[in-house]
Structure formats: structure tokens, C-alpha cells
Amino acid sequence: MKACSRCLTTKSYEEFSRDRRKSDGLQEWCKACYRTWREANKERVNQRNREYRAENPDLLAAQGAAYRSRHREQIAAYLHQWGQENRDRKRETNRRWRERQRAEAK
């Protein structure tokens, strides 16, 4: 059991998100309090995320490339399954892509 430092309620460990930086490995706020705070501060959080992405494009690109490299097989399997389940959407997307490529080539 752990007490949430925001609502001061004692809750089970499952009701807290993980945080490796903390000595007990859990966040200080429970999931419900954190969710409430994020909802109340949605624009502030979104603005901060936009600024971070604008300031760190190289870092984020490197992290994305590393993730794709580590999970190449899972990504390929997902894309294959998605293509099988969405044949019409994939066909239409490919048709539009080919049209754009032909138009750019002219």
C-alpha cells in the first residue's frame, strides 16, 4: 500500500504508474490524480510537448530509428496484418501515391 501525495488516499501499488527514478519505483501521484491533472492542464501539456519536439528533432529521430531497428520484425508483422485486413484502403492509398509520383515526374 502507498499513499498518494496529491489526494492523500492510501491505495494499492497497482494504482500507481512506474517511475524508475523513485526509490520505490512508483510515481508520487496515483493514476486517477495524474489523469485528472493532465485533463485539467491539457493545453499546457500539449504546448510543452510541441516545444520539446521542436527543440529536439534529431534526438527524437534517432530514438525512432533505434526503436524501428529493435522492433523490425514486429513492425513488419503488424503492417502485413494491417494490409491483409484493409486491402481496399491500402489499394486506394497506393493508387494516390502512384498518381502523385507520376505527376511529379512530369
PDB file of N, CA and C in Angstrom:
ATOM      1  N   MET A   1       0.838  -1.178   0.000  1.00  0.00           N
ATOM      2  CA  MET A   1       0.000   0.000   0.000  1.00  0.00           C
ATOM      3  C   MET A   1       0.888   1.248   0.000  1.00  0.00           C
ATOM      4  N   LYS A   2       0.383   2.283  -0.663  1.00  0.00           N
ATOM      5  CA  LYS A   2       1.122   3.532  -0.785  1.00  0.00           C
ATOM      6  C   LYS A   2       0.131   4.683  -0.741  1.00  0.00           C
ATOM      7  N   ALA A   3       0.552   5.802  -0.172  1.00  0.00           N
ATOM      8  CA  ALA A   3      -0.304   6.974  -0.090  1.00  0.00           C
ATOM      9  C   ALA A   3      -0.005   7.906  -1.259  1.00  0.00           C
ATOM     10  N   CYS A   4      -1.043   8.373  -1.920  1.00  0.00           N
ATOM     11  CA  CYS A   4      -0.913   9.356  -2.999  1.00  0.00           C
ATOM     12  C   CYS A   4      -0.608  10.710  -2.360  1.00  0.00           C
ATOM     13  N   SER A   5       0.424  11.397  -2.852  1.00  0.00           N
ATOM     14  CA  SER A   5       0.797  12.674  -2.260  1.00  0.00           C
ATOM     15  C   SER A   5      -0.133  13.805  -2.685  1.00  0.00           C
ATOM     16  N   ARG A   6      -1.038  13.539  -3.595  1.00  0.00           N
ATOM     17  CA  ARG A   6      -1.978  14.576  -4.043  1.00  0.00           C
ATOM     18  C   ARG A   6      -3.330  14.439  -3.329  1.00  0.00           C
ATOM     19  N   CYS A   7      -3.933  13.270  -3.406  1.00  0.00           N
ATOM     20  CA  CYS A   7      -5.255  13.082  -2.776  1.00  0.00           C
ATOM     21  C   CYS A   7      -5.148  12.526  -1.356  1.00  0.00           C
ATOM     22  N   LEU A   8      -3.917  12.128  -0.953  1.00  0.00           N
ATOM     23  CA  LEU A   8      -3.632  11.630   0.402  1.00  0.00           C
ATOM     24  C   LEU A   8      -4.397  10.369   0.755  1.00  0.00           C
ATOM     25  N   THR A   9      -4.804   9.612  -0.269  1.00  0.00           N
ATOM     26  CA  THR A   9      -5.505   8.356  -0.066  1.00  0.00           C
ATOM     27  C   THR A   9      -4.509   7.202  -0.173  1.00  0.00           C
ATOM     28  N   THR A  10      -4.635   6.221   0.688  1.00  0.00           N
ATOM     29  CA  THR A  10      -3.785   5.034   0.615  1.00  0.00           C
ATOM     30  C   THR A  10      -4.396   4.072  -0.391  1.00  0.00           C
ATOM     31  N   LYS A  11      -3.576   3.684  -1.375  1.00  0.00           N
ATOM     32  CA  LYS A  11      -4.052   2.816  -2.455  1.00  0.00           C
ATOM     33  C   LYS A  11      -3.057   1.693  -2.699  1.00  0.00           C
ATOM     34  N   SER A  12      -3.494   0.691  -3.443  1.00  0.00           N
ATOM     35  CA  SER A  12      -2.603  -0.428  -3.761  1.00  0.00           C
ATOM     36  C   SER A  12      -1.567   0.027  -4.790  1.00  0.00           C
ATOM     37  N   TYR A  13      -0.473  -0.713  -4.870  1.00  0.00           N
ATOM     38  CA  TYR A  13       0.618  -0.364  -5.780  1.00  0.00           C
ATOM     39  C   TYR A  13       0.173  -0.339  -7.236  1.00  0.00           C
ATOM     40  N   GLU A  14      -0.814  -1.149  -7.590  1.00  0.00           N
ATOM     41  CA  GLU A  14      -1.288  -1.205  -8.972  1.00  0.00           C
ATOM     42  C   GLU A  14      -1.922   0.113  -9.416  1.00  0.00           C
ATOM     43  N   GLU A  15      -2.313   0.945  -8.461  1.00  0.00           N
ATOM     44  CA  GLU A  15      -2.967   2.210  -8.789  1.00  0.00           C
ATOM     45  C   GLU A  15      -1.974   3.352  -8.998  1.00  0.00           C
ATOM     46  N   PHE A  16      -0.672   3.020  -9.047  1.00  0.00           N
ATOM     47  CA  PHE A  16       0.385   3.989  -9.307  1.00  0.00           C
ATOM     48  C   PHE A  16       1.170   3.557 -10.535  1.00  0.00           C
ATOM     49  N   SER A  17       1.551   4.529 -11.362  1.00  0.00           N
ATOM     50  CA  SER A  17       2.383   4.228 -12.524  1.00  0.00           C
ATOM     51  C   SER A  17       3.828   4.060 -12.081  1.00  0.00           C
ATOM     52  N   ARG A  18       4.602   3.375 -12.902  1.00  0.00           N
ATOM     53  CA  ARG A  18       6.008   3.143 -12.579  1.00  0.00           C
ATOM     54  C   ARG A  18       6.832   4.401 -12.830  1.00  0.00           C
ATOM     55  N   ASP A  19       7.885   4.558 -12.052  1.00  0.00           N
ATOM     56  CA  ASP A  19       8.853   5.633 -12.226  1.00  0.00           C
ATOM     57  C   ASP A  19      10.186   5.124 -11.690  1.00  0.00           C
ATOM     58  N   ARG A  20      11.084   4.756 -12.590  1.00  0.00           N
ATOM     59  CA  ARG A  20      12.353   4.150 -12.192  1.00  0.00           C
ATOM     60  C   ARG A  20      13.224   5.094 -11.353  1.00  0.00           C
ATOM     61  N   ARG A  21      12.979   6.392 -11.462  1.00  0.00           N
ATOM     62  CA  ARG A  21      13.792   7.360 -10.724  1.00  0.00           C
ATOM     63  C   ARG A  21      13.457   7.385  -9.232  1.00  0.00           C
ATOM     64  N   LYS A  22      12.320   6.903  -8.836  1.00  0.00           N
ATOM     65  CA  LYS A  22      11.896   6.934  -7.434  1.00  0.00           C
ATOM     66  C   LYS A  22      12.417   5.704  -6.698  1.00  0.00           C
ATOM     67  N   SER A  23      12.643   5.850  -5.410  1.00  0.00           N
ATOM     68  CA  SER A  23      13.219   4.748  -4.626  1.00  0.00           C
ATOM     69  C   SER A  23      12.304   3.521  -4.589  1.00  0.00           C
ATOM     70  N   ASP A  24      10.980   3.746  -4.583  1.00  0.00           N
ATOM     71  CA  ASP A  24      10.053   2.610  -4.572  1.00  0.00           C
ATOM     72  C   ASP A  24       9.628   2.191  -5.979  1.00  0.00           C
ATOM     73  N   GLY A  25      10.100   2.921  -6.995  1.00  0.00           N
ATOM     74  CA  GLY A  25       9.796   2.575  -8.376  1.00  0.00           C
ATOM     75  C   GLY A  25       8.428   3.012  -8.851  1.00  0.00           C
ATOM     76  N   LEU A  26       7.744   3.869  -8.070  1.00  0.00           N
ATOM     77  CA  LEU A  26       6.389   4.294  -8.415  1.00  0.00           C
ATOM     78  C   LEU A  26       6.282   5.822  -8.371  1.00  0.00           C
ATOM     79  N   GLN A  27       5.348   6.367  -9.169  1.00  0.00           N
ATOM     80  CA  GLN A  27       5.109   7.803  -9.141  1.00  0.00           C
ATOM     81  C   GLN A  27       4.510   8.216  -7.808  1.00  0.00           C
ATOM     82  N   GLU A  28       4.597   9.509  -7.501  1.00  0.00           N
ATOM     83  CA  GLU A  28       4.065  10.012  -6.231  1.00  0.00           C
ATOM     84  C   GLU A  28       2.547  10.135  -6.253  1.00  0.00           C
ATOM     85  N   TRP A  29       1.981  10.453  -7.429  1.00  0.00           N
ATOM     86  CA  TRP A  29       0.526  10.587  -7.567  1.00  0.00           C
ATOM     87  C   TRP A  29      -0.064   9.289  -8.089  1.00  0.00           C
ATOM     88  N   CYS A  30      -1.281   8.988  -7.676  1.00  0.00           N
ATOM     89  CA  CYS A  30      -1.970   7.805  -8.199  1.00  0.00           C
ATOM     90  C   CYS A  30      -2.389   8.078  -9.648  1.00  0.00           C
ATOM     91  N   LYS A  31      -2.745   7.027 -10.354  1.00  0.00           N
ATOM     92  CA  LYS A  31      -3.136   7.173 -11.760  1.00  0.00           C
ATOM     93  C   LYS A  31      -4.339   8.083 -11.923  1.00  0.00           C
ATOM     94  N   ALA A  32      -5.302   8.009 -11.008  1.00  0.00           N
ATOM     95  CA  ALA A  32      -6.508   8.835 -11.100  1.00  0.00           C
ATOM     96  C   ALA A  32      -6.171  10.313 -10.947  1.00  0.00           C
ATOM     97  N   CYS A  33      -5.313  10.662  -9.996  1.00  0.00           N
ATOM     98  CA  CYS A  33      -4.932  12.061  -9.800  1.00  0.00           C
ATOM     99  C   CYS A  33      -4.129  12.571 -10.994  1.00  0.00           C
ATOM    100  N   TYR A  34      -3.230  11.749 -11.488  1.00  0.00           N
ATOM    101  CA  TYR A  34      -2.417  12.158 -12.632  1.00  0.00           C
ATOM    102  C   TYR A  34      -3.303  12.384 -13.858  1.00  0.00           C
ATOM    103  N   ARG A  35      -4.261  11.489 -14.077  1.00  0.00           N
ATOM    104  CA  ARG A  35      -5.193  11.615 -15.204  1.00  0.00           C
ATOM    105  C   ARG A  35      -6.009  12.902 -15.083  1.00  0.00           C
ATOM    106  N   THR A  36      -6.482  13.206 -13.877  1.00  0.00           N
ATOM    107  CA  THR A  36      -7.262  14.417 -13.630  1.00  0.00           C
ATOM    108  C   THR A  36      -6.416  15.667 -13.905  1.00  0.00           C
ATOM    109  N   TRP A  37      -5.169  15.662 -13.438  1.00  0.00           N
ATOM    110  CA  TRP A  37      -4.288  16.804 -13.651  1.00  0.00           C
ATOM    111  C   TRP A  37      -4.003  17.018 -15.139  1.00  0.00           C
ATOM    112  N   ARG A  38      -3.710  15.929 -15.848  1.00  0.00           N
ATOM    113  CA  ARG A  38      -3.418  16.049 -17.289  1.00  0.00           C
ATOM    114  C   ARG A  38      -4.628  16.579 -18.050  1.00  0.00           C
ATOM    115  N   GLU A  39      -5.810  16.146 -17.687  1.00  0.00           N
ATOM    116  CA  GLU A  39      -7.027  16.615 -18.352  1.00  0.00           C
ATOM    117  C   GLU A  39      -7.245  18.105 -18.077  1.00  0.00           C
ATOM    118  N   ALA A  40      -6.997  18.527 -16.852  1.00  0.00           N
ATOM    119  CA  ALA A  40      -7.181  19.932 -16.485  1.00  0.00           C
ATOM    120  C   ALA A  40      -6.121  20.838 -17.120  1.00  0.00           C
ATOM    121  N   ASN A  41      -4.951  20.277 -17.446  1.00  0.00           N
ATOM    122  CA  ASN A  41      -3.836  21.055 -17.999  1.00  0.00           C
ATOM    123  C   ASN A  41      -3.476  20.602 -19.409  1.00  0.00           C
ATOM    124  N   LYS A  42      -4.473  20.177 -20.146  1.00  0.00           N
ATOM    125  CA  LYS A  42      -4.241  19.586 -21.468  1.00  0.00           C
ATOM    126  C   LYS A  42      -3.467  20.515 -22.393  1.00  0.00           C
ATOM    127  N   GLU A  43      -3.869  21.777 -22.488  1.00  0.00           N
ATOM    128  CA  GLU A  43      -3.191  22.698 -23.406  1.00  0.00           C
ATOM    129  C   GLU A  43      -1.759  22.962 -22.967  1.00  0.00           C
ATOM    130  N   ARG A  44      -1.543  23.087 -21.682  1.00  0.00           N
ATOM    131  CA  ARG A  44      -0.188  23.303 -21.157  1.00  0.00           C
ATOM    132  C   ARG A  44       0.723  22.115 -21.494  1.00  0.00           C
ATOM    133  N   VAL A  45       0.212  20.914 -21.302  1.00  0.00           N
ATOM    134  CA  VAL A  45       0.975  19.695 -21.606  1.00  0.00           C
ATOM    135  C   VAL A  45       1.264  19.623 -23.112  1.00  0.00           C
ATOM    136  N   ASN A  46       0.247  19.892 -23.936  1.00  0.00           N
ATOM    137  CA  ASN A  46       0.428  19.846 -25.387  1.00  0.00           C
ATOM    138  C   ASN A  46       1.451  20.875 -25.849  1.00  0.00           C
ATOM    139  N   GLN A  47       1.412  22.086 -25.278  1.00  0.00           N
ATOM    140  CA  GLN A  47       2.374  23.126 -25.651  1.00  0.00           C
ATOM    141  C   GLN A  47       3.790  22.706 -25.287  1.00  0.00           C
ATOM    142  N   ARG A  48       3.946  22.141 -24.107  1.00  0.00           N
ATOM    143  CA  ARG A  48       5.269  21.684 -23.678  1.00  0.00           C
ATOM    144  C   ARG A  48       5.787  20.584 -24.593  1.00  0.00           C
ATOM    145  N   ASN A  49       4.916  19.664 -24.985  1.00  0.00           N
ATOM    146  CA  ASN A  49       5.316  18.590 -25.895  1.00  0.00           C
ATOM    147  C   ASN A  49       5.703  19.141 -27.264  1.00  0.00           C
ATOM    148  N   ARG A  50       4.944  20.129 -27.766  1.00  0.00           N
ATOM    149  CA  ARG A  50       5.282  20.744 -29.057  1.00  0.00           C
ATOM    150  C   ARG A  50       6.654  21.402 -29.002  1.00  0.00           C
ATOM    151  N   GLU A  51       6.916  22.121 -27.925  1.00  0.00           N
ATOM    152  CA  GLU A  51       8.209  22.798 -27.771  1.00  0.00           C
ATOM    153  C   GLU A  51       9.347  21.790 -27.704  1.00  0.00           C
ATOM    154  N   TYR A  52       9.146  20.711 -26.973  1.00  0.00           N
ATOM    155  CA  TYR A  52      10.188  19.692 -26.854  1.00  0.00           C
ATOM    156  C   TYR A  52      10.497  19.075 -28.214  1.00  0.00           C
ATOM    157  N   ARG A  53       9.435  18.740 -28.974  1.00  0.00           N
ATOM    158  CA  ARG A  53       9.647  18.152 -30.298  1.00  0.00           C
ATOM    159  C   ARG A  53      10.352  19.121 -31.226  1.00  0.00           C
ATOM    160  N   ALA A  54      10.036  20.427 -31.125  1.00  0.00           N
ATOM    161  CA  ALA A  54      10.685  21.428 -31.977  1.00  0.00           C
ATOM    162  C   ALA A  54      12.156  21.611 -31.604  1.00  0.00           C
ATOM    163  N   GLU A  55      12.474  21.495 -30.320  1.00  0.00           N
ATOM    164  CA  GLU A  55      13.843  21.698 -29.847  1.00  0.00           C
ATOM    165  C   GLU A  55      14.725  20.464 -30.011  1.00  0.00           C
ATOM    166  N   ASN A  56      14.141  19.286 -30.150  1.00  0.00           N
ATOM    167  CA  ASN A  56      14.916  18.041 -30.166  1.00  0.00           C
ATOM    168  C   ASN A  56      14.584  17.124 -31.339  1.00  0.00           C
ATOM    169  N   PRO A  57      14.511  17.642 -32.570  1.00  0.00           N
ATOM    170  CA  PRO A  57      14.125  16.762 -33.679  1.00  0.00           C
ATOM    171  C   PRO A  57      15.149  15.657 -33.943  1.00  0.00           C
ATOM    172  N   ASP A  58      16.438  15.956 -33.793  1.00  0.00           N
ATOM    173  CA  ASP A  58      17.467  14.947 -34.053  1.00  0.00           C
ATOM    174  C   ASP A  58      17.416  13.817 -33.029  1.00  0.00           C
ATOM    175  N   LEU A  59      17.230  14.176 -31.773  1.00  0.00           N
ATOM    176  CA  LEU A  59      17.144  13.162 -30.726  1.00  0.00           C
ATOM    177  C   LEU A  59      15.940  12.256 -30.956  1.00  0.00           C
ATOM    178  N   LEU A  60      14.793  12.850 -31.264  1.00  0.00           N
ATOM    179  CA  LEU A  60      13.582  12.059 -31.486  1.00  0.00           C
ATOM    180  C   LEU A  60      13.708  11.182 -32.731  1.00  0.00           C
ATOM    181  N   ALA A  61      14.356  11.701 -33.776  1.00  0.00           N
ATOM    182  CA  ALA A  61      14.562  10.891 -34.979  1.00  0.00           C
ATOM    183  C   ALA A  61      15.466   9.701 -34.668  1.00  0.00           C
ATOM    184  N   ALA A  62      16.506   9.929 -33.883  1.00  0.00           N
ATOM    185  CA  ALA A  62      17.419   8.840 -33.518  1.00  0.00           C
ATOM    186  C   ALA A  62      16.706   7.805 -32.656  1.00  0.00           C
ATOM    187  N   GLN A  63      15.879   8.265 -31.719  1.00  0.00           N
ATOM    188  CA  GLN A  63      15.135   7.330 -30.873  1.00  0.00           C
ATOM    189  C   GLN A  63      14.155   6.510 -31.710  1.00  0.00           C
ATOM    190  N   GLY A  64      13.492   7.154 -32.675  1.00  0.00           N
ATOM    191  CA  GLY A  64      12.562   6.444 -33.544  1.00  0.00           C
ATOM    192  C   GLY A  64      13.276   5.409 -34.398  1.00  0.00           C
ATOM    193  N   ALA A  65      14.440   5.785 -34.935  1.00  0.00           N
ATOM    194  CA  ALA A  65      15.210   4.850 -35.754  1.00  0.00           C
ATOM    195  C   ALA A  65      15.679   3.661 -34.926  1.00  0.00           C
ATOM    196  N   ALA A  66      16.113   3.930 -33.698  1.00  0.00           N
ATOM    197  CA  ALA A  66      16.566   2.842 -32.823  1.00  0.00           C
ATOM    198  C   ALA A  66      15.398   1.901 -32.496  1.00  0.00           C
ATOM    199  N   TYR A  67      14.232   2.471 -32.221  1.00  0.00           N
ATOM    200  CA  TYR A  67      13.055   1.646 -31.936  1.00  0.00           C
ATOM    201  C   TYR A  67      12.707   0.776 -33.134  1.00  0.00           C
ATOM    202  N   ARG A  68      12.664   1.396 -34.324  1.00  0.00           N
ATOM    203  CA  ARG A  68      12.320   0.623 -35.525  1.00  0.00           C
ATOM    204  C   ARG A  68      13.346  -0.460 -35.799  1.00  0.00           C
ATOM    205  N   SER A  69      14.600  -0.186 -35.511  1.00  0.00           N
ATOM    206  CA  SER A  69      15.648  -1.188 -35.698  1.00  0.00           C
ATOM    207  C   SER A  69      15.468  -2.365 -34.734  1.00  0.00           C
ATOM    208  N   ARG A  70      15.150  -2.076 -33.484  1.00  0.00           N
ATOM    209  CA  ARG A  70      14.974  -3.124 -32.484  1.00  0.00           C
ATOM    210  C   ARG A  70      13.706  -3.936 -32.704  1.00  0.00           C
ATOM    211  N   HIS A  71      12.683  -3.332 -33.289  1.00  0.00           N
ATOM    212  CA  HIS A  71      11.383  -3.989 -33.433  1.00  0.00           C
ATOM    213  C   HIS A  71      11.000  -4.228 -34.893  1.00  0.00           C
ATOM    214  N   ARG A  72      11.992  -4.396 -35.740  1.00  0.00           N
ATOM    215  CA  ARG A  72      11.759  -4.544 -37.179  1.00  0.00           C
ATOM    216  C   ARG A  72      10.759  -5.663 -37.497  1.00  0.00           C
ATOM    217  N   GLU A  73      10.922  -6.822 -36.872  1.00  0.00           N
ATOM    218  CA  GLU A  73      10.061  -7.964 -37.176  1.00  0.00           C
ATOM    219  C   GLU A  73       8.620  -7.732 -36.722  1.00  0.00           C
ATOM    220  N   GLN A  74       8.436  -7.156 -35.523  1.00  0.00           N
ATOM    221  CA  GLN A  74       7.086  -6.897 -35.034  1.00  0.00           C
ATOM    222  C   GLN A  74       6.377  -5.857 -35.902  1.00  0.00           C
ATOM    223  N   ILE A  75       7.105  -4.837 -36.342  1.00  0.00           N
ATOM    224  CA  ILE A  75       6.522  -3.799 -37.192  1.00  0.00           C
ATOM    225  C   ILE A  75       6.113  -4.399 -38.533  1.00  0.00           C
ATOM    226  N   ALA A  76       6.994  -5.233 -39.101  1.00  0.00           N
ATOM    227  CA  ALA A  76       6.673  -5.868 -40.382  1.00  0.00           C
ATOM    228  C   ALA A  76       5.446  -6.753 -40.260  1.00  0.00           C
ATOM    229  N   ALA A  77       5.347  -7.509 -39.166  1.00  0.00           N
ATOM    230  CA  ALA A  77       4.184  -8.381 -38.959  1.00  0.00           C
ATOM    231  C   ALA A  77       2.907  -7.562 -38.813  1.00  0.00           C
ATOM    232  N   TYR A  78       2.987  -6.465 -38.070  1.00  0.00           N
ATOM    233  CA  TYR A  78       1.811  -5.609 -37.901  1.00  0.00           C
ATOM    234  C   TYR A  78       1.375  -5.013 -39.232  1.00  0.00           C
ATOM    235  N   LEU A  79       2.327  -4.500 -40.003  1.00  0.00           N
ATOM    236  CA  LEU A  79       1.988  -3.888 -41.284  1.00  0.00           C
ATOM    237  C   LEU A  79       1.405  -4.914 -42.250  1.00  0.00           C
ATOM    238  N   HIS A  80       1.928  -6.125 -42.225  1.00  0.00           N
ATOM    239  CA  HIS A  80       1.391  -7.185 -43.079  1.00  0.00           C
ATOM    240  C   HIS A  80      -0.056  -7.505 -42.686  1.00  0.00           C
ATOM    241  N   GLN A  81      -0.288  -7.642 -41.389  1.00  0.00           N
ATOM    242  CA  GLN A  81      -1.643  -7.946 -40.913  1.00  0.00           C
ATOM    243  C   GLN A  81      -2.596  -6.804 -41.257  1.00  0.00           C
ATOM    244  N   TRP A  82      -2.152  -5.559 -41.049  1.00  0.00           N
ATOM    245  CA  TRP A  82      -2.994  -4.406 -41.368  1.00  0.00           C
ATOM    246  C   TRP A  82      -3.339  -4.402 -42.857  1.00  0.00           C
ATOM    247  N   GLY A  83      -2.354  -4.691 -43.707  1.00  0.00           N
ATOM    248  CA  GLY A  83      -2.589  -4.729 -45.143  1.00  0.00           C
ATOM    249  C   GLY A  83      -3.604  -5.797 -45.532  1.00  0.00           C
ATOM    250  N   GLN A  84      -3.548  -6.936 -44.862  1.00  0.00           N
ATOM    251  CA  GLN A  84      -4.498  -8.001 -45.142  1.00  0.00           C
ATOM    252  C   GLN A  84      -5.919  -7.610 -44.732  1.00  0.00           C
ATOM    253  N   GLU A  85      -6.021  -6.903 -43.609  1.00  0.00           N
ATOM    254  CA  GLU A  85      -7.334  -6.522 -43.090  1.00  0.00           C
ATOM    255  C   GLU A  85      -7.908  -5.277 -43.766  1.00  0.00           C
ATOM    256  N   ASN A  86      -7.077  -4.503 -44.447  1.00  0.00           N
ATOM    257  CA  ASN A  86      -7.508  -3.240 -45.043  1.00  0.00           C
ATOM    258  C   ASN A  86      -7.095  -3.150 -46.508  1.00  0.00           C
ATOM    259  N   ARG A  87      -7.389  -4.191 -47.257  1.00  0.00           N
ATOM    260  CA  ARG A  87      -6.954  -4.248 -48.660  1.00  0.00           C
ATOM    261  C   ARG A  87      -7.451  -3.057 -49.480  1.00  0.00           C
ATOM    262  N   ASP A  88      -8.702  -2.669 -49.296  1.00  0.00           N
ATOM    263  CA  ASP A  88      -9.250  -1.561 -50.087  1.00  0.00           C
ATOM    264  C   ASP A  88      -8.560  -0.243 -49.751  1.00  0.00           C
ATOM    265  N   ARG A  89      -8.367   0.026 -48.465  1.00  0.00           N
ATOM    266  CA  ARG A  89      -7.686   1.263 -48.070  1.00  0.00           C
ATOM    267  C   ARG A  89      -6.254   1.286 -48.590  1.00  0.00           C
ATOM    268  N   LYS A  90      -5.573   0.148 -48.501  1.00  0.00           N
ATOM    269  CA  LYS A  90      -4.189   0.076 -48.959  1.00  0.00           C
ATOM    270  C   LYS A  90      -4.120   0.274 -50.469  1.00  0.00           C
ATOM    271  N   ARG A  91      -5.034  -0.340 -51.194  1.00  0.00           N
ATOM    272  CA  ARG A  91      -5.071  -0.197 -52.651  1.00  0.00           C
ATOM    273  C   ARG A  91      -5.292   1.268 -53.041  1.00  0.00           C
ATOM    274  N   GLU A  92      -6.230   1.933 -52.374  1.00  0.00           N
ATOM    275  CA  GLU A  92      -6.518   3.339 -52.669  1.00  0.00           C
ATOM    276  C   GLU A  92      -5.325   4.237 -52.327  1.00  0.00           C
ATOM    277  N   THR A  93      -4.699   3.990 -51.201  1.00  0.00           N
ATOM    278  CA  THR A  93      -3.526   4.769 -50.806  1.00  0.00           C
ATOM    279  C   THR A  93      -2.406   4.594 -51.818  1.00  0.00           C
ATOM    280  N   ASN A  94      -2.167   3.372 -52.241  1.00  0.00           N
ATOM    281  CA  ASN A  94      -1.118   3.109 -53.231  1.00  0.00           C
ATOM    282  C   ASN A  94      -1.442   3.772 -54.564  1.00  0.00           C
ATOM    283  N   ARG A  95      -2.714   3.779 -54.965  1.00  0.00           N
ATOM    284  CA  ARG A  95      -3.108   4.412 -56.217  1.00  0.00           C
ATOM    285  C   ARG A  95      -2.819   5.920 -56.170  1.00  0.00           C
ATOM    286  N   ARG A  96      -3.199   6.572 -55.058  1.00  0.00           N
ATOM    287  CA  ARG A  96      -2.947   8.013 -54.922  1.00  0.00           C
ATOM    288  C   ARG A  96      -1.452   8.313 -54.907  1.00  0.00           C
ATOM    289  N   TRP A  97      -0.654   7.457 -54.264  1.00  0.00           N
ATOM    290  CA  TRP A  97       0.780   7.653 -54.219  1.00  0.00           C
ATOM    291  C   TRP A  97       1.377   7.571 -55.628  1.00  0.00           C
ATOM    292  N   ARG A  98       0.933   6.552 -56.411  1.00  0.00           N
ATOM    293  CA  ARG A  98       1.435   6.418 -57.782  1.00  0.00           C
ATOM    294  C   ARG A  98       1.067   7.617 -58.630  1.00  0.00           C
ATOM    295  N   GLU A  99      -0.147   8.136 -58.459  1.00  0.00           N
ATOM    296  CA  GLU A  99      -0.560   9.317 -59.215  1.00  0.00           C
ATOM    297  C   GLU A  99       0.319  10.517 -58.880  1.00  0.00           C
ATOM    298  N   ARG A 100       0.622  10.716 -57.602  1.00  0.00           N
ATOM    299  CA  ARG A 100       1.491  11.831 -57.208  1.00  0.00           C
ATOM    300  C   ARG A 100       2.891  11.661 -57.787  1.00  0.00           C
ATOM    301  N   GLN A 101       3.387  10.435 -57.778  1.00  0.00           N
ATOM    302  CA  GLN A 101       4.727  10.192 -58.308  1.00  0.00           C
ATOM    303  C   GLN A 101       4.770  10.478 -59.810  1.00  0.00           C
ATOM    304  N   ARG A 102       3.739  10.075 -60.535  1.00  0.00           N
ATOM    305  CA  ARG A 102       3.687  10.342 -61.976  1.00  0.00           C
ATOM    306  C   ARG A 102       3.599  11.841 -62.248  1.00  0.00           C
ATOM    307  N   ALA A 103       2.797  12.551 -61.453  1.00  0.00           N
ATOM    308  CA  ALA A 103       2.654  13.994 -61.637  1.00  0.00           C
ATOM    309  C   ALA A 103       3.973  14.719 -61.353  1.00  0.00           C
ATOM    310  N   GLU A 104       4.716  14.291 -60.356  1.00  0.00           N
ATOM    311  CA  GLU A 104       5.995  14.920 -60.025  1.00  0.00           C
ATOM    312  C   GLU A 104       7.057  14.627 -61.080  1.00  0.00           C
ATOM    313  N   ALA A 105       6.952  13.469 -61.715  1.00  0.00           N
ATOM    314  CA  ALA A 105       7.939  13.073 -62.719  1.00  0.00           C
ATOM    315  C   ALA A 105       7.820  13.893 -63.999  1.00  0.00           C
ATOM    316  N   LYS A 106       6.627  14.447 -64.240  1.00  0.00           N
ATOM    317  CA  LYS A 106       6.405  15.197 -65.482  1.00  0.00           C
ATOM    318  C   LYS A 106       6.997  16.570 -65.442  1.00  0.00           C
TER     319      LYS A 106
END
